[in-house]
C-alpha atoms as a PDB file:
ATOM      1  CA  MET A   1      -0.128   0.090  -0.100  1.00  0.00           C
ATOM      2  CA  GLY A   2       1.268   3.542  -0.802  1.00  0.00           C
ATOM      3  CA  SER A   3       1.472   6.093   1.710  1.00  0.00           C
ATOM      4  CA  ALA A   4       0.569   8.856  -0.626  1.00  0.00           C
ATOM      5  CA  ILE A   5      -2.570   9.951  -2.476  1.00  0.00           C
ATOM      6  CA  ARG A   6      -2.615   8.964  -6.217  1.00  0.00           C
ATOM      7  CA  TYR A   7      -3.821  11.768  -8.573  1.00  0.00           C
ATOM      8  CA  LEU A   8      -5.350  10.809 -11.805  1.00  0.00           C
ATOM      9  CA  ARG A   9      -7.063  12.752 -14.727  1.00  0.00           C
ATOM     10  CA  GLY A  10     -10.541  11.371 -15.411  1.00  0.00           C
ATOM     11  CA  ASP A  11     -13.974  10.667 -13.761  1.00  0.00           C
ATOM     12  CA  ALA A  12     -14.124   9.491 -10.098  1.00  0.00           C
ATOM     13  CA  SER A  13     -17.481   8.007 -10.955  1.00  0.00           C
ATOM     14  CA  SER A  14     -15.529   5.509 -13.256  1.00  0.00           C
ATOM     15  CA  PRO A  15     -12.843   4.355 -10.799  1.00  0.00           C
ATOM     16  CA  GLN A  16      -9.545   2.975 -12.220  1.00  0.00           C
ATOM     17  CA  ALA A  17      -8.649   0.054  -9.923  1.00  0.00           C
ATOM     18  CA  LYS A  18      -8.882  -3.653  -9.545  1.00  0.00           C
ATOM     19  CA  GLY A  19     -10.861  -4.905  -6.546  1.00  0.00           C
ATOM     20  CA  PRO A  20     -13.209  -3.575  -4.101  1.00  0.00           C
ATOM     21  CA  LYS A  21     -13.678   0.041  -4.882  1.00  0.00           C
ATOM     22  CA  VAL A  22     -15.604   2.947  -2.862  1.00  0.00           C
ATOM     23  CA  ILE A  23     -16.469   6.127  -4.513  1.00  0.00           C
ATOM     24  CA  ALA A  24     -16.742   8.881  -1.914  1.00  0.00           C
ATOM     25  CA  HIS A  25     -18.197  12.222  -2.229  1.00  0.00           C
ATOM     26  CA  VAL A  26     -19.595  15.112  -0.045  1.00  0.00           C
ATOM     27  CA  CYS A  27     -23.261  15.545   0.479  1.00  0.00           C
ATOM     28  CA  ASN A  28     -25.208  18.477   2.041  1.00  0.00           C
ATOM     29  CA  ASP A  29     -27.383  18.171   5.093  1.00  0.00           C
ATOM     30  CA  LEU A  30     -30.541  19.393   3.535  1.00  0.00           C
ATOM     31  CA  GLY A  31     -31.421  16.484   1.527  1.00  0.00           C
ATOM     32  CA  GLY A  32     -30.553  18.269  -1.744  1.00  0.00           C
ATOM     33  CA  TRP A  33     -29.008  16.227  -4.589  1.00  0.00           C
ATOM     34  CA  GLY A  34     -28.877  17.500  -7.960  1.00  0.00           C
ATOM     35  CA  LYS A  35     -25.690  19.643  -8.704  1.00  0.00           C
ATOM     36  CA  GLY A  36     -21.982  18.779  -9.355  1.00  0.00           C
ATOM     37  CA  PHE A  37     -20.560  15.526  -8.957  1.00  0.00           C
ATOM     38  CA  VAL A  38     -23.661  13.740  -7.989  1.00  0.00           C
ATOM     39  CA  LEU A  39     -25.147  14.099 -11.348  1.00  0.00           C
ATOM     40  CA  ALA A  40     -22.222  11.847 -12.936  1.00  0.00           C
ATOM     41  CA  LEU A  41     -23.032   9.476 -10.130  1.00  0.00           C
ATOM     42  CA  SER A  42     -26.836   9.353 -10.842  1.00  0.00           C
ATOM     43  CA  LYS A  43     -26.230   8.876 -14.712  1.00  0.00           C
ATOM     44  CA  ARG A  44     -24.442   5.522 -13.758  1.00  0.00           C
ATOM     45  CA  TRP A  45     -26.578   4.234 -10.835  1.00  0.00           C
ATOM     46  CA  PRO A  46     -30.004   5.285  -9.329  1.00  0.00           C
ATOM     47  CA  GLU A  47     -29.308   3.702  -6.002  1.00  0.00           C
ATOM     48  CA  PRO A  48     -27.040   6.473  -4.288  1.00  0.00           C
ATOM     49  CA  GLU A  49     -29.511   9.197  -4.735  1.00  0.00           C
ATOM     50  CA  ALA A  50     -32.480   7.158  -3.896  1.00  0.00           C
ATOM     51  CA  ALA A  51     -30.803   5.929  -0.646  1.00  0.00           C
ATOM     52  CA  TYR A  52     -29.646   9.471   0.288  1.00  0.00           C
ATOM     53  CA  ARG A  53     -32.821  11.012  -0.309  1.00  0.00           C
ATOM     54  CA  ARG A  54     -34.422   8.221   1.875  1.00  0.00           C
ATOM     55  CA  TRP A  55     -31.918   8.548   4.591  1.00  0.00           C
ATOM     56  CA  HIS A  56     -32.574  12.147   4.667  1.00  0.00           C
ATOM     57  CA  ARG A  57     -36.338  11.778   4.801  1.00  0.00           C
ATOM     58  CA  GLU A  58     -36.278   9.363   7.656  1.00  0.00           C
ATOM     59  CA  ARG A  59     -33.683  11.145   9.424  1.00  0.00           C
ATOM     60  CA  ALA A  60     -35.640  11.271  12.512  1.00  0.00           C
ATOM     61  CA  GLY A  61     -34.880   7.738  13.221  1.00  0.00           C
ATOM     62  CA  ASN A  62     -31.314   7.457  11.897  1.00  0.00           C
ATOM     63  CA  ASP A  63     -27.861   8.894  11.957  1.00  0.00           C
ATOM     64  CA  PHE A  64     -28.298  11.350   9.178  1.00  0.00           C
ATOM     65  CA  GLY A  65     -26.579  14.742  10.022  1.00  0.00           C
ATOM     66  CA  LEU A  66     -22.921  16.366   9.602  1.00  0.00           C
ATOM     67  CA  GLY A  67     -20.234  13.795   9.731  1.00  0.00           C
ATOM     68  CA  ALA A  68     -22.427  10.759   8.978  1.00  0.00           C
ATOM     69  CA  VAL A  69     -21.563   8.163   6.223  1.00  0.00           C
ATOM     70  CA  GLN A  70     -23.935   6.058   3.919  1.00  0.00           C
ATOM     71  CA  LEU A  71     -22.523   3.157   2.051  1.00  0.00           C
ATOM     72  CA  VAL A  72     -24.516   2.204  -0.886  1.00  0.00           C
ATOM     73  CA  GLN A  73     -23.570  -1.013  -2.989  1.00  0.00           C
ATOM     74  CA  VAL A  74     -23.865  -0.391  -6.921  1.00  0.00           C
ATOM     75  CA  GLU A  75     -22.104  -3.207  -8.221  1.00  0.00           C
ATOM     76  CA  ARG A  76     -20.518  -6.388  -7.051  1.00  0.00           C
ATOM     77  CA  ASP A  77     -17.486  -4.769  -6.028  1.00  0.00           C
ATOM     78  CA  THR A  78     -18.396  -0.939  -6.024  1.00  0.00           C
ATOM     79  CA  TRP A  79     -20.025   1.029  -3.516  1.00  0.00           C
ATOM     80  CA  VAL A  80     -20.900   4.756  -3.308  1.00  0.00           C
ATOM     81  CA  ALA A  81     -20.153   6.407   0.056  1.00  0.00           C
ATOM     82  CA  ASN A  82     -22.463   9.478   0.769  1.00  0.00           C
ATOM     83  CA  LEU A  83     -20.393  11.651   3.386  1.00  0.00           C
ATOM     84  CA  VAL A  84     -22.453  14.435   4.901  1.00  0.00           C
ATOM     85  CA  GLY A  85     -19.996  17.099   5.146  1.00  0.00           C
ATOM     86  CA  GLN A  86     -21.727  20.458   3.892  1.00  0.00           C
ATOM     87  CA  ARG A  87     -23.944  22.568   5.728  1.00  0.00           C
ATOM     88  CA  GLY A  88     -26.867  23.631   3.476  1.00  0.00           C
ATOM     89  CA  THR A  89     -26.049  24.837  -0.116  1.00  0.00           C
ATOM     90  CA  ARG A  90     -24.396  27.906  -1.349  1.00  0.00           C
ATOM     91  CA  THR A  91     -26.976  30.763  -1.886  1.00  0.00           C
ATOM     92  CA  GLY A  92     -26.806  34.129  -3.371  1.00  0.00           C
ATOM     93  CA  ARG A  93     -26.316  35.998  -0.107  1.00  0.00           C
ATOM     94  CA  SER A  94     -24.191  33.202   1.266  1.00  0.00           C
ATOM     95  CA  SER A  95     -23.015  33.402   4.793  1.00  0.00           C
ATOM     96  CA  GLY A  96     -19.686  31.669   3.943  1.00  0.00           C
ATOM     97  CA  VAL A  97     -19.159  28.577   2.136  1.00  0.00           C
ATOM     98  CA  PRO A  98     -21.240  25.277   2.909  1.00  0.00           C
ATOM     99  CA  VAL A  99     -18.181  22.913   3.603  1.00  0.00           C
ATOM    100  CA  ARG A 100     -17.414  21.817   7.104  1.00  0.00           C
ATOM    101  CA  TYR A 101     -14.116  20.393   7.555  1.00  0.00           C
ATOM    102  CA  PRO A 102     -14.618  18.868  10.773  1.00  0.00           C
ATOM    103  CA  ALA A 103     -17.715  16.913   9.269  1.00  0.00           C
ATOM    104  CA  ILE A 104     -15.545  15.698   6.403  1.00  0.00           C
ATOM    105  CA  ASP A 105     -13.005  14.620   8.964  1.00  0.00           C
ATOM    106  CA  THR A 106     -15.656  12.662  11.099  1.00  0.00           C
ATOM    107  CA  ALA A 107     -17.101  11.148   8.010  1.00  0.00           C
ATOM    108  CA  LEU A 108     -13.722  10.022   6.547  1.00  0.00           C
ATOM    109  CA  ASP A 109     -12.796   8.639  10.189  1.00  0.00           C
ATOM    110  CA  ARG A 110     -15.914   6.646  10.101  1.00  0.00           C
ATOM    111  CA  LEU A 111     -15.437   5.358   6.425  1.00  0.00           C
ATOM    112  CA  ALA A 112     -12.060   3.780   7.278  1.00  0.00           C
ATOM    113  CA  ALA A 113     -13.413   0.878   9.115  1.00  0.00           C
ATOM    114  CA  PRO A 114     -15.613  -0.394   6.524  1.00  0.00           C
ATOM    115  CA  MET A 115     -13.041   0.217   3.848  1.00  0.00           C
ATOM    116  CA  LEU A 116     -10.622  -1.926   5.848  1.00  0.00           C
ATOM    117  CA  GLU A 117     -13.267  -4.694   5.982  1.00  0.00           C
ATOM    118  CA  LEU A 118     -14.023  -4.618   2.474  1.00  0.00           C
ATOM    119  CA  GLY A 119     -10.309  -4.262   1.493  1.00  0.00           C
ATOM    120  CA  ALA A 120     -11.524  -1.358  -0.655  1.00  0.00           C
ATOM    121  CA  SER A 121      -9.552   1.539  -2.394  1.00  0.00           C
ATOM    122  CA  VAL A 122     -11.149   4.854  -2.092  1.00  0.00           C
ATOM    123  CA  HIS A 123     -11.980   7.032  -5.256  1.00  0.00           C
ATOM    124  CA  LEU A 124     -12.961  10.663  -4.994  1.00  0.00           C
ATOM    125  CA  PRO A 125     -13.138  13.825  -6.761  1.00  0.00           C
ATOM    126  CA  ARG A 126     -11.644  16.798  -4.667  1.00  0.00           C
ATOM    127  CA  ILE A 127     -14.548  16.550  -2.096  1.00  0.00           C
ATOM    128  CA  GLY A 128     -15.649  19.667  -0.552  1.00  0.00           C
ATOM    129  CA  CYS A 129     -14.014  21.792  -3.053  1.00  0.00           C
ATOM    130  CA  GLY A 130     -16.478  22.233  -5.705  1.00  0.00           C
ATOM    131  CA  LEU A 131     -19.876  23.622  -4.849  1.00  0.00           C
ATOM    132  CA  ALA A 132     -19.022  23.262  -1.150  1.00  0.00           C
ATOM    133  CA  GLY A 133     -16.534  25.767  -1.689  1.00  0.00           C
ATOM    134  CA  GLY A 134     -13.761  24.324   0.263  1.00  0.00           C
ATOM    135  CA  ARG A 135      -9.829  24.537  -0.078  1.00  0.00           C
ATOM    136  CA  TRP A 136      -7.968  21.315  -1.086  1.00  0.00           C
ATOM    137  CA  GLU A 137      -4.999  22.285   1.240  1.00  0.00           C
ATOM    138  CA  LEU A 138      -7.419  21.663   3.985  1.00  0.00           C
ATOM    139  CA  VAL A 139      -9.077  18.731   2.953  1.00  0.00           C
ATOM    140  CA  GLU A 140      -5.936  16.558   1.668  1.00  0.00           C
ATOM    141  CA  PRO A 141      -4.564  16.384   4.914  1.00  0.00           C
ATOM    142  CA  LEU A 142      -7.793  14.889   6.369  1.00  0.00           C
ATOM    143  CA  LEU A 143      -7.600  12.091   3.728  1.00  0.00           C
ATOM    144  CA  HIS A 144      -4.019  11.431   4.679  1.00  0.00           C
ATOM    145  CA  SER A 145      -4.707  11.137   8.441  1.00  0.00           C
ATOM    146  CA  ARG A 146      -7.949   9.264   8.269  1.00  0.00           C
ATOM    147  CA  LEU A 147      -7.545   6.882   5.379  1.00  0.00           C
ATOM    148  CA  VAL A 148      -4.027   6.857   3.849  1.00  0.00           C
ATOM    149  CA  ALA A 149      -2.152   6.584   7.368  1.00  0.00           C
ATOM    150  CA  ARG A 150      -4.475   3.478   7.914  1.00  0.00           C
ATOM    151  CA  GLY A 151      -3.287   1.752   4.770  1.00  0.00           C
ATOM    152  CA  ILE A 152      -6.131   2.681   2.653  1.00  0.00           C
ATOM    153  CA  ALA A 153      -5.227   3.485  -1.094  1.00  0.00           C
ATOM    154  CA  VAL A 154      -6.806   6.837  -2.152  1.00  0.00           C
ATOM    155  CA  THR A 155      -7.037   8.107  -5.647  1.00  0.00           C
ATOM    156  CA  VAL A 156      -8.152  11.582  -6.440  1.00  0.00           C
ATOM    157  CA  TYR A 157      -9.638  12.394  -9.896  1.00  0.00           C
ATOM    158  CA  ASP A 158      -9.231  15.702 -11.591  1.00  0.00           C
ATOM    159  CA  HIS A 159     -12.035  16.355 -14.327  1.00  0.00           C
ATOM    160  CA  ASP A 160     -10.581  17.400 -17.775  1.00  0.00           C
END
């Protein structure tokens, strides 16, 4: 296992790896799904969006909230990890960016155990840095401490 994050050009919704794979991305805490990377996921599989919306709708009886993780199997060896790491969505008169680094940190920490159990590699876009408005230099160390340091292979995809 490498101790560095691998960077590739391409689409994180189409992970380039053998063996079990988990595609991780950041969701908001409002139940909204419809902009950014999630559109690429929904084009390939209906399950992650349906599961996320159900998780949000039934949140009174589950763990939905900032820092929560939902793993959704989409193929025999592929899962999508919905990580709740964004407070709301960006609005015109935004009071700062929606990204929440502590929530992303918690979610990545919670993701580690199932990754190790599955023997899976993690594939993701630059989470929290698109519509959520985050800065990669603050997100990257979280990936290192929560996943890479535990021997989990992480690949980050930059879209052309």
